[in-house]
Amino acid sequence: RLAARLGLERQWLHASGLGFEHPTRHEWVTFTSAFPADLSHALDVI
């Protein structure tokens, strides 16, 4: 019922950040990802 109210058709789970030492440059690199539309909508509702 909560899933339906939030408009969710999958689990609210997002891999938002990733960091590691670059395999050849040997420097730490980081990447980020914003929440997609369905997860953002659920946040707005809740």
All heavy atoms as atom14 arrays in JSON, in Angstrom:
{
  "sequence": "RLAARLGLERQWLHASGLGFEHPTRHEWVTFTSAFPADLSHALDVI",
  "atom14_mask": [
    [1, 1, 1, 1, 1, 1, 1, 1, 1, 1, 1, 0, 0, 0],
    [1, 1, 1, 1, 1, 1, 1, 1, 0, 0, 0, 0, 0, 0],
    [1, 1, 1, 1, 1, 0, 0, 0, 0, 0, 0, 0, 0, 0],
    [1, 1, 1, 1, 1, 0, 0, 0, 0, 0, 0, 0, 0, 0],
    [1, 1, 1, 1, 1, 1, 1, 1, 1, 1, 1, 0, 0, 0],
    [1, 1, 1, 1, 1, 1, 1, 1, 0, 0, 0, 0, 0, 0],
    [1, 1, 1, 1, 0, 0, 0, 0, 0, 0, 0, 0, 0, 0],
    [1, 1, 1, 1, 1, 1, 1, 1, 0, 0, 0, 0, 0, 0],
    [1, 1, 1, 1, 1, 1, 1, 1, 1, 0, 0, 0, 0, 0],
    [1, 1, 1, 1, 1, 1, 1, 1, 1, 1, 1, 0, 0, 0],
    [1, 1, 1, 1, 1, 1, 1, 1, 1, 0, 0, 0, 0, 0],
    [1, 1, 1, 1, 1, 1, 1, 1, 1, 1, 1, 1, 1, 1],
    [1, 1, 1, 1, 1, 1, 1, 1, 0, 0, 0, 0, 0, 0],
    [1, 1, 1, 1, 1, 1, 1, 1, 1, 1, 0, 0, 0, 0],
    [1, 1, 1, 1, 1, 0, 0, 0, 0, 0, 0, 0, 0, 0],
    [1, 1, 1, 1, 1, 1, 0, 0, 0, 0, 0, 0, 0, 0],
    [1, 1, 1, 1, 0, 0, 0, 0, 0, 0, 0, 0, 0, 0],
    [1, 1, 1, 1, 1, 1, 1, 1, 0, 0, 0, 0, 0, 0],
    [1, 1, 1, 1, 0, 0, 0, 0, 0, 0, 0, 0, 0, 0],
    [1, 1, 1, 1, 1, 1, 1, 1, 1, 1, 1, 0, 0, 0],
    [1, 1, 1, 1, 1, 1, 1, 1, 1, 0, 0, 0, 0, 0],
    [1, 1, 1, 1, 1, 1, 1, 1, 1, 1, 0, 0, 0, 0],
    [1, 1, 1, 1, 1, 1, 1, 0, 0, 0, 0, 0, 0, 0],
    [1, 1, 1, 1, 1, 1, 1, 0, 0, 0, 0, 0, 0, 0],
    [1, 1, 1, 1, 1, 1, 1, 1, 1, 1, 1, 0, 0, 0],
    [1, 1, 1, 1, 1, 1, 1, 1, 1, 1, 0, 0, 0, 0],
    [1, 1, 1, 1, 1, 1, 1, 1, 1, 0, 0, 0, 0, 0],
    [1, 1, 1, 1, 1, 1, 1, 1, 1, 1, 1, 1, 1, 1],
    [1, 1, 1, 1, 1, 1, 1, 0, 0, 0, 0, 0, 0, 0],
    [1, 1, 1, 1, 1, 1, 1, 0, 0, 0, 0, 0, 0, 0],
    [1, 1, 1, 1, 1, 1, 1, 1, 1, 1, 1, 0, 0, 0],
    [1, 1, 1, 1, 1, 1, 1, 0, 0, 0, 0, 0, 0, 0],
    [1, 1, 1, 1, 1, 1, 0, 0, 0, 0, 0, 0, 0, 0],
    [1, 1, 1, 1, 1, 0, 0, 0, 0, 0, 0, 0, 0, 0],
    [1, 1, 1, 1, 1, 1, 1, 1, 1, 1, 1, 0, 0, 0],
    [1, 1, 1, 1, 1, 1, 1, 0, 0, 0, 0, 0, 0, 0],
    [1, 1, 1, 1, 1, 0, 0, 0, 0, 0, 0, 0, 0, 0],
    [1, 1, 1, 1, 1, 1, 1, 1, 0, 0, 0, 0, 0, 0],
    [1, 1, 1, 1, 1, 1, 1, 1, 0, 0, 0, 0, 0, 0],
    [1, 1, 1, 1, 1, 1, 0, 0, 0, 0, 0, 0, 0, 0],
    [1, 1, 1, 1, 1, 1, 1, 1, 1, 1, 0, 0, 0, 0],
    [1, 1, 1, 1, 1, 0, 0, 0, 0, 0, 0, 0, 0, 0],
    [1, 1, 1, 1, 1, 1, 1, 1, 0, 0, 0, 0, 0, 0],
    [1, 1, 1, 1, 1, 1, 1, 1, 0, 0, 0, 0, 0, 0],
    [1, 1, 1, 1, 1, 1, 1, 0, 0, 0, 0, 0, 0, 0],
    [1, 1, 1, 1, 1, 1, 1, 1, 0, 0, 0, 0, 0, 0]
  ],
  "atom14_positions": [
    [[0.84, -1.21, 0.0], [0.0, 0.0, 0.0], [0.87, 1.26, 0.0], [0.57, 2.23, -0.7], [-0.94, -0.02, 1.2], [-1.97, -1.14, 1.18], [-2.62, -1.31, 2.52], [-1.63, -1.67, 3.55], [-1.92, -1.9, 4.82], [-3.18, -1.79, 5.25], [-0.98, -2.24, 5.67], [0.0, 0.0, 0.0], [0.0, 0.0, 0.0], [0.0, 0.0, 0.0]],
    [[1.95, 1.23, 0.77], [2.85, 2.38, 0.78], [3.55, 2.49, -0.57], [3.72, 3.6, -1.1], [3.89, 2.24, 1.9], [4.92, 3.37, 2.0], [4.24, 4.7, 2.24], [5.94, 3.07, 3.1], [0.0, 0.0, 0.0], [0.0, 0.0, 0.0], [0.0, 0.0, 0.0], [0.0, 0.0, 0.0], [0.0, 0.0, 0.0], [0.0, 0.0, 0.0]],
    [[3.94, 1.37, -1.14], [4.59, 1.38, -2.45], [3.68, 2.02, -3.49], [4.12, 2.84, -4.3], [4.96, -0.04, -2.86], [0.0, 0.0, 0.0], [0.0, 0.0, 0.0], [0.0, 0.0, 0.0], [0.0, 0.0, 0.0], [0.0, 0.0, 0.0], [0.0, 0.0, 0.0], [0.0, 0.0, 0.0], [0.0, 0.0, 0.0], [0.0, 0.0, 0.0]],
    [[2.4, 1.65, -3.45], [1.45, 2.21, -4.41], [1.28, 3.72, -4.2], [1.21, 4.49, -5.17], [0.11, 1.5, -4.28], [0.0, 0.0, 0.0], [0.0, 0.0, 0.0], [0.0, 0.0, 0.0], [0.0, 0.0, 0.0], [0.0, 0.0, 0.0], [0.0, 0.0, 0.0], [0.0, 0.0, 0.0], [0.0, 0.0, 0.0], [0.0, 0.0, 0.0]],
    [[1.26, 4.15, -2.93], [1.09, 5.58, -2.64], [2.29, 6.37, -3.14], [2.14, 7.52, -3.59], [0.9, 5.79, -1.14], [0.59, 7.24, -0.78], [0.02, 7.36, 0.63], [1.01, 7.15, 1.66], [1.82, 8.11, 2.14], [1.75, 9.34, 1.64], [2.67, 7.86, 3.09], [0.0, 0.0, 0.0], [0.0, 0.0, 0.0], [0.0, 0.0, 0.0]],
    [[3.46, 5.76, -3.09], [4.67, 6.44, -3.52], [4.92, 6.28, -5.02], [5.88, 6.85, -5.56], [5.89, 5.91, -2.75], [5.86, 6.09, -1.23], [7.13, 5.53, -0.61], [5.68, 7.55, -0.86], [0.0, 0.0, 0.0], [0.0, 0.0, 0.0], [0.0, 0.0, 0.0], [0.0, 0.0, 0.0], [0.0, 0.0, 0.0], [0.0, 0.0, 0.0]],
    [[4.08, 5.48, -5.69], [4.26, 5.26, -7.12], [5.45, 4.39, -7.46], [6.0, 4.47, -8.56], [0.0, 0.0, 0.0], [0.0, 0.0, 0.0], [0.0, 0.0, 0.0], [0.0, 0.0, 0.0], [0.0, 0.0, 0.0], [0.0, 0.0, 0.0], [0.0, 0.0, 0.0], [0.0, 0.0, 0.0], [0.0, 0.0, 0.0], [0.0, 0.0, 0.0]],
    [[5.84, 3.51, -6.52], [7.03, 2.68, -6.73], [6.67, 1.33, -7.34], [5.76, 0.64, -6.87], [7.75, 2.44, -5.39], [8.48, 3.64, -4.8], [8.98, 3.31, -3.39], [9.67, 4.05, -5.69], [0.0, 0.0, 0.0], [0.0, 0.0, 0.0], [0.0, 0.0, 0.0], [0.0, 0.0, 0.0], [0.0, 0.0, 0.0], [0.0, 0.0, 0.0]],
    [[7.4, 0.95, -8.37], [7.26, -0.36, -8.98], [8.53, -1.19, -8.79], [8.69, -2.23, -9.41], [6.93, -0.22, -10.47], [5.58, 0.46, -10.71], [5.23, 0.52, -12.18], [6.1, 0.19, -13.02], [4.08, 0.9, -12.49], [0.0, 0.0, 0.0], [0.0, 0.0, 0.0], [0.0, 0.0, 0.0], [0.0, 0.0, 0.0], [0.0, 0.0, 0.0]],
    [[9.41, -0.72, -7.94], [10.66, -1.43, -7.61], [11.15, -0.91, -6.28], [10.58, 0.03, -5.71], [11.69, -1.23, -8.71], [11.91, 0.24, -9.11], [13.23, 0.79, -8.66], [13.61, 2.05, -9.28], [14.81, 2.59, -9.17], [15.74, 2.01, -8.44], [15.08, 3.77, -9.73], [0.0, 0.0, 0.0], [0.0, 0.0, 0.0], [0.0, 0.0, 0.0]],
    [[12.21, -1.52, -5.76], [12.75, -1.08, -4.48], [13.38, 0.31, -4.62], [14.0, 0.63, -5.63], [13.8, -2.07, -3.96], [15.06, -2.21, -4.8], [14.97, -3.34, -5.8], [13.88, -3.86, -6.07], [16.1, -3.75, -6.36], [0.0, 0.0, 0.0], [0.0, 0.0, 0.0], [0.0, 0.0, 0.0], [0.0, 0.0, 0.0], [0.0, 0.0, 0.0]],
    [[13.19, 1.14, -3.56], [13.81, 2.47, -3.54], [15.26, 2.27, -3.1], [15.59, 2.3, -1.91], [13.08, 3.4, -2.59], [13.26, 4.87, -2.89], [12.28, 5.73, -3.28], [14.47, 5.65, -2.81], [12.81, 7.0, -3.46], [14.15, 6.98, -3.18], [15.79, 5.36, -2.48], [15.1, 8.0, -3.22], [16.75, 6.37, -2.53], [16.4, 7.66, -2.89]],
    [[16.14, 2.08, -4.07], [17.55, 1.81, -3.79], [18.37, 2.3, -4.98], [18.09, 1.94, -6.12], [17.78, 0.31, -3.56], [19.21, -0.12, -3.25], [19.75, 0.54, -1.98], [19.27, -1.65, -3.1], [0.0, 0.0, 0.0], [0.0, 0.0, 0.0], [0.0, 0.0, 0.0], [0.0, 0.0, 0.0], [0.0, 0.0, 0.0], [0.0, 0.0, 0.0]],
    [[19.38, 3.13, -4.69], [20.13, 3.77, -5.76], [21.62, 3.8, -5.42], [22.0, 4.21, -4.31], [19.62, 5.19, -5.96], [20.24, 5.91, -7.12], [20.03, 5.54, -8.43], [21.07, 7.0, -7.16], [20.69, 6.36, -9.23], [21.33, 7.25, -8.49], [0.0, 0.0, 0.0], [0.0, 0.0, 0.0], [0.0, 0.0, 0.0], [0.0, 0.0, 0.0]],
    [[22.45, 3.35, -6.35], [23.9, 3.41, -6.19], [24.34, 4.82, -6.57], [24.56, 5.13, -7.75], [24.58, 2.37, -7.08], [0.0, 0.0, 0.0], [0.0, 0.0, 0.0], [0.0, 0.0, 0.0], [0.0, 0.0, 0.0], [0.0, 0.0, 0.0], [0.0, 0.0, 0.0], [0.0, 0.0, 0.0], [0.0, 0.0, 0.0], [0.0, 0.0, 0.0]],
    [[24.49, 5.67, -5.58], [24.67, 7.1, -5.83], [26.12, 7.56, -5.86], [26.4, 8.66, -6.35], [23.92, 7.89, -4.75], [24.28, 7.45, -3.46], [0.0, 0.0, 0.0], [0.0, 0.0, 0.0], [0.0, 0.0, 0.0], [0.0, 0.0, 0.0], [0.0, 0.0, 0.0], [0.0, 0.0, 0.0], [0.0, 0.0, 0.0], [0.0, 0.0, 0.0]],
    [[27.05, 6.77, -5.36], [28.45, 7.18, -5.34], [29.39, 6.02, -5.52], [29.13, 4.91, -5.05], [0.0, 0.0, 0.0], [0.0, 0.0, 0.0], [0.0, 0.0, 0.0], [0.0, 0.0, 0.0], [0.0, 0.0, 0.0], [0.0, 0.0, 0.0], [0.0, 0.0, 0.0], [0.0, 0.0, 0.0], [0.0, 0.0, 0.0], [0.0, 0.0, 0.0]],
    [[30.48, 6.25, -6.24], [31.47, 5.2, -6.48], [32.84, 5.85, -6.51], [33.06, 6.86, -7.2], [31.17, 4.52, -7.82], [31.99, 3.29, -8.21], [31.77, 2.16, -7.2], [31.6, 2.83, -9.62], [0.0, 0.0, 0.0], [0.0, 0.0, 0.0], [0.0, 0.0, 0.0], [0.0, 0.0, 0.0], [0.0, 0.0, 0.0], [0.0, 0.0, 0.0]],
    [[33.78, 5.28, -5.75], [35.13, 5.81, -5.72], [36.15, 4.68, -5.67], [35.93, 3.68, -5.0], [0.0, 0.0, 0.0], [0.0, 0.0, 0.0], [0.0, 0.0, 0.0], [0.0, 0.0, 0.0], [0.0, 0.0, 0.0], [0.0, 0.0, 0.0], [0.0, 0.0, 0.0], [0.0, 0.0, 0.0], [0.0, 0.0, 0.0], [0.0, 0.0, 0.0]],
    [[37.25, 4.85, -6.4], [38.3, 3.83, -6.41], [39.57, 4.42, -7.0], [39.55, 5.5, -7.63], [37.87, 2.59, -7.22], [37.36, 2.9, -8.61], [38.22, 3.03, -9.69], [36.0, 3.07, -8.83], [37.75, 3.32, -10.95], [35.51, 3.36, -10.1], [36.39, 3.49, -11.16], [0.0, 0.0, 0.0], [0.0, 0.0, 0.0], [0.0, 0.0, 0.0]],
    [[40.68, 3.72, -6.81], [41.93, 4.14, -7.44], [41.92, 3.71, -8.89], [41.7, 2.55, -9.2], [43.13, 3.52, -6.71], [44.47, 3.99, -7.26], [45.66, 3.38, -6.53], [45.85, 3.72, -5.35], [46.37, 2.56, -7.15], [0.0, 0.0, 0.0], [0.0, 0.0, 0.0], [0.0, 0.0, 0.0], [0.0, 0.0, 0.0], [0.0, 0.0, 0.0]],
    [[42.13, 4.67, -9.78], [42.11, 4.35, -11.21], [43.18, 3.3, -11.51], [44.32, 3.41, -11.03], [42.36, 5.62, -12.04], [42.08, 5.45, -13.49], [42.98, 4.85, -14.35], [41.0, 5.78, -14.24], [42.46, 4.82, -15.57], [41.26, 5.39, -15.52], [0.0, 0.0, 0.0], [0.0, 0.0, 0.0], [0.0, 0.0, 0.0], [0.0, 0.0, 0.0]],
    [[42.84, 2.27, -12.29], [43.77, 1.15, -12.48], [45.09, 1.49, -13.16], [46.09, 0.79, -12.95], [42.96, 0.16, -13.33], [41.87, 0.97, -13.95], [41.55, 2.05, -12.97], [0.0, 0.0, 0.0], [0.0, 0.0, 0.0], [0.0, 0.0, 0.0], [0.0, 0.0, 0.0], [0.0, 0.0, 0.0], [0.0, 0.0, 0.0], [0.0, 0.0, 0.0]],
    [[45.15, 2.53, -13.97], [46.42, 2.88, -14.63], [46.95, 4.25, -14.21], [48.16, 4.46, -14.18], [46.25, 2.86, -16.17], [45.23, 3.77, -16.56], [45.9, 1.45, -16.64], [0.0, 0.0, 0.0], [0.0, 0.0, 0.0], [0.0, 0.0, 0.0], [0.0, 0.0, 0.0], [0.0, 0.0, 0.0], [0.0, 0.0, 0.0], [0.0, 0.0, 0.0]],
    [[46.06, 5.18, -13.88], [46.52, 6.51, -13.48], [46.92, 6.55, -12.01], [47.59, 7.49, -11.57], [45.41, 7.54, -13.73], [45.01, 7.66, -15.19], [43.85, 8.62, -15.35], [43.35, 8.67, -16.71], [42.25, 9.29, -17.09], [41.52, 9.94, -16.2], [41.87, 9.27, -18.35], [0.0, 0.0, 0.0], [0.0, 0.0, 0.0], [0.0, 0.0, 0.0]],
    [[46.45, 5.57, -11.25], [46.79, 5.45, -9.82], [46.39, 6.69, -9.03], [47.05, 7.07, -8.06], [48.28, 5.15, -9.63], [48.73, 3.94, -10.4], [48.24, 2.69, -10.16], [49.61, 3.82, -11.43], [48.81, 1.83, -10.99], [49.62, 2.49, -11.78], [0.0, 0.0, 0.0], [0.0, 0.0, 0.0], [0.0, 0.0, 0.0], [0.0, 0.0, 0.0]],
    [[45.31, 7.34, -9.44], [44.75, 8.45, -8.69], [43.33, 8.08, -8.29], [42.66, 7.31, -8.97], [44.74, 9.74, -9.53], [43.92, 9.61, -10.81], [44.0, 10.85, -11.7], [44.88, 11.7, -11.46], [43.19, 10.97, -12.63], [0.0, 0.0, 0.0], [0.0, 0.0, 0.0], [0.0, 0.0, 0.0], [0.0, 0.0, 0.0], [0.0, 0.0, 0.0]],
    [[42.88, 8.62, -7.15], [41.54, 8.31, -6.66], [40.52, 9.06, -7.51], [40.62, 10.26, -7.71], [41.41, 8.7, -5.2], [40.13, 8.22, -4.57], [39.0, 8.96, -4.37], [39.86, 6.92, -4.09], [38.03, 8.17, -3.78], [38.52, 6.92, -3.6], [40.59, 5.74, -4.03], [37.93, 5.8, -3.04], [40.0, 4.62, -3.47], [38.69, 4.64, -2.98]],
    [[39.55, 8.33, -8.02], [38.5, 8.94, -8.84], [37.15, 8.68, -8.17], [36.93, 7.63, -7.56], [38.49, 8.4, -10.28], [39.74, 8.85, -11.03], [38.38, 6.86, -10.31], [0.0, 0.0, 0.0], [0.0, 0.0, 0.0], [0.0, 0.0, 0.0], [0.0, 0.0, 0.0], [0.0, 0.0, 0.0], [0.0, 0.0, 0.0], [0.0, 0.0, 0.0]],
    [[36.26, 9.64, -8.27], [34.93, 9.5, -7.68], [33.87, 9.89, -8.69], [34.09, 10.77, -9.54], [34.76, 10.37, -6.42], [34.99, 11.75, -6.77], [35.74, 9.96, -5.33], [0.0, 0.0, 0.0], [0.0, 0.0, 0.0], [0.0, 0.0, 0.0], [0.0, 0.0, 0.0], [0.0, 0.0, 0.0], [0.0, 0.0, 0.0], [0.0, 0.0, 0.0]],
    [[32.71, 9.25, -8.59], [31.6, 9.51, -9.49], [30.32, 9.54, -8.66], [30.19, 8.84, -7.65], [31.51, 8.42, -10.57], [32.8, 8.2, -11.29], [33.66, 7.17, -10.92], [33.19, 9.03, -12.33], [34.87, 6.96, -11.57], [34.4, 8.85, -12.99], [35.24, 7.81, -12.62], [0.0, 0.0, 0.0], [0.0, 0.0, 0.0], [0.0, 0.0, 0.0]],
    [[29.37, 10.37, -9.1], [28.11, 10.49, -8.38], [26.95, 10.4, -9.36], [27.09, 10.67, -10.56], [28.01, 11.82, -7.61], [28.14, 12.91, -8.53], [29.1, 11.91, -6.55], [0.0, 0.0, 0.0], [0.0, 0.0, 0.0], [0.0, 0.0, 0.0], [0.0, 0.0, 0.0], [0.0, 0.0, 0.0], [0.0, 0.0, 0.0], [0.0, 0.0, 0.0]],
    [[25.8, 10.03, -8.84], [24.59, 9.9, -9.64], [23.41, 10.47, -8.88], [23.19, 10.13, -7.71], [24.33, 8.42, -9.98], [23.04, 8.25, -10.53], [0.0, 0.0, 0.0], [0.0, 0.0, 0.0], [0.0, 0.0, 0.0], [0.0, 0.0, 0.0], [0.0, 0.0, 0.0], [0.0, 0.0, 0.0], [0.0, 0.0, 0.0], [0.0, 0.0, 0.0]],
    [[22.63, 11.32, -9.53], [21.43, 11.89, -8.92], [20.3, 10.86, -8.91], [20.29, 9.92, -9.71], [21.0, 13.14, -9.69], [0.0, 0.0, 0.0], [0.0, 0.0, 0.0], [0.0, 0.0, 0.0], [0.0, 0.0, 0.0], [0.0, 0.0, 0.0], [0.0, 0.0, 0.0], [0.0, 0.0, 0.0], [0.0, 0.0, 0.0], [0.0, 0.0, 0.0]],
    [[19.35, 11.04, -8.02], [18.21, 10.12, -7.96], [17.4, 10.23, -9.25], [17.11, 11.33, -9.72], [17.3, 10.45, -6.77], [17.98, 10.39, -5.44], [17.55, 11.22, -4.4], [19.03, 9.53, -5.2], [18.18, 11.18, -3.16], [19.66, 9.48, -3.97], [19.24, 10.31, -2.95], [0.0, 0.0, 0.0], [0.0, 0.0, 0.0], [0.0, 0.0, 0.0]],
    [[16.99, 9.1, -9.83], [16.14, 9.14, -11.02], [14.72, 9.61, -10.68], [14.35, 9.74, -9.51], [16.15, 7.69, -11.51], [16.49, 6.89, -10.3], [17.37, 7.73, -9.45], [0.0, 0.0, 0.0], [0.0, 0.0, 0.0], [0.0, 0.0, 0.0], [0.0, 0.0, 0.0], [0.0, 0.0, 0.0], [0.0, 0.0, 0.0], [0.0, 0.0, 0.0]],
    [[13.93, 9.85, -11.73], [12.63, 10.49, -11.57], [11.69, 9.73, -10.65], [11.0, 10.35, -9.82], [11.98, 10.69, -12.95], [0.0, 0.0, 0.0], [0.0, 0.0, 0.0], [0.0, 0.0, 0.0], [0.0, 0.0, 0.0], [0.0, 0.0, 0.0], [0.0, 0.0, 0.0], [0.0, 0.0, 0.0], [0.0, 0.0, 0.0], [0.0, 0.0, 0.0]],
    [[11.64, 8.4, -10.75], [10.68, 7.66, -9.93], [11.03, 7.73, -8.45], [10.14, 7.86, -7.59], [10.56, 6.2, -10.39], [11.87, 5.42, -10.28], [12.95, 6.03, -10.34], [11.81, 4.17, -10.16], [0.0, 0.0, 0.0], [0.0, 0.0, 0.0], [0.0, 0.0, 0.0], [0.0, 0.0, 0.0], [0.0, 0.0, 0.0], [0.0, 0.0, 0.0]],
    [[12.33, 7.71, -8.13], [12.73, 7.79, -6.73], [12.54, 9.21, -6.19], [12.15, 9.39, -5.04], [14.19, 7.34, -6.57], [14.52, 5.93, -7.08], [15.93, 5.53, -6.64], [13.49, 4.9, -6.6], [0.0, 0.0, 0.0], [0.0, 0.0, 0.0], [0.0, 0.0, 0.0], [0.0, 0.0, 0.0], [0.0, 0.0, 0.0], [0.0, 0.0, 0.0]],
    [[12.84, 10.21, -7.02], [12.62, 11.59, -6.61], [11.13, 11.85, -6.34], [10.77, 12.54, -5.38], [13.14, 12.55, -7.68], [14.54, 12.48, -7.79], [0.0, 0.0, 0.0], [0.0, 0.0, 0.0], [0.0, 0.0, 0.0], [0.0, 0.0, 0.0], [0.0, 0.0, 0.0], [0.0, 0.0, 0.0], [0.0, 0.0, 0.0], [0.0, 0.0, 0.0]],
    [[10.27, 11.3, -7.19], [8.83, 11.46, -6.98], [8.41, 10.85, -5.66], [7.62, 11.45, -4.9], [8.07, 10.8, -8.13], [6.59, 10.73, -7.9], [5.76, 11.83, -8.02], [5.79, 9.69, -7.51], [4.52, 11.47, -7.73], [4.5, 10.18, -7.42], [0.0, 0.0, 0.0], [0.0, 0.0, 0.0], [0.0, 0.0, 0.0], [0.0, 0.0, 0.0]],
    [[8.92, 9.65, -5.35], [8.56, 9.0, -4.1], [9.0, 9.84, -2.9], [8.3, 9.95, -1.91], [9.18, 7.61, -4.04], [0.0, 0.0, 0.0], [0.0, 0.0, 0.0], [0.0, 0.0, 0.0], [0.0, 0.0, 0.0], [0.0, 0.0, 0.0], [0.0, 0.0, 0.0], [0.0, 0.0, 0.0], [0.0, 0.0, 0.0], [0.0, 0.0, 0.0]],
    [[10.19, 10.45, -3.0], [10.67, 11.33, -1.93], [9.75, 12.53, -1.75], [9.45, 12.94, -0.63], [12.09, 11.79, -2.23], [13.27, 10.92, -1.78], [14.59, 11.59, -2.14], [13.2, 10.61, -0.3], [0.0, 0.0, 0.0], [0.0, 0.0, 0.0], [0.0, 0.0, 0.0], [0.0, 0.0, 0.0], [0.0, 0.0, 0.0], [0.0, 0.0, 0.0]],
    [[9.33, 13.09, -2.87], [8.43, 14.25, -2.79], [7.13, 13.88, -2.08], [6.61, 14.64, -1.24], [8.11, 14.77, -4.2], [9.31, 15.45, -4.85], [10.24, 15.82, -4.11], [9.31, 15.58, -6.08], [0.0, 0.0, 0.0], [0.0, 0.0, 0.0], [0.0, 0.0, 0.0], [0.0, 0.0, 0.0], [0.0, 0.0, 0.0], [0.0, 0.0, 0.0]],
    [[6.61, 12.7, -2.41], [5.34, 12.26, -1.81], [5.5, 12.0, -0.32], [4.69, 12.45, 0.5], [4.8, 11.0, -2.53], [3.56, 10.46, -1.81], [4.46, 11.32, -3.97], [0.0, 0.0, 0.0], [0.0, 0.0, 0.0], [0.0, 0.0, 0.0], [0.0, 0.0, 0.0], [0.0, 0.0, 0.0], [0.0, 0.0, 0.0], [0.0, 0.0, 0.0]],
    [[6.56, 11.28, 0.05], [6.74, 10.91, 1.46], [7.04, 12.14, 2.31], [6.69, 12.19, 3.49], [7.86, 9.85, 1.62], [7.71, 9.09, 2.93], [9.23, 10.47, 1.53], [6.57, 8.11, 2.96], [0.0, 0.0, 0.0], [0.0, 0.0, 0.0], [0.0, 0.0, 0.0], [0.0, 0.0, 0.0], [0.0, 0.0, 0.0], [0.0, 0.0, 0.0]]
  ]
}
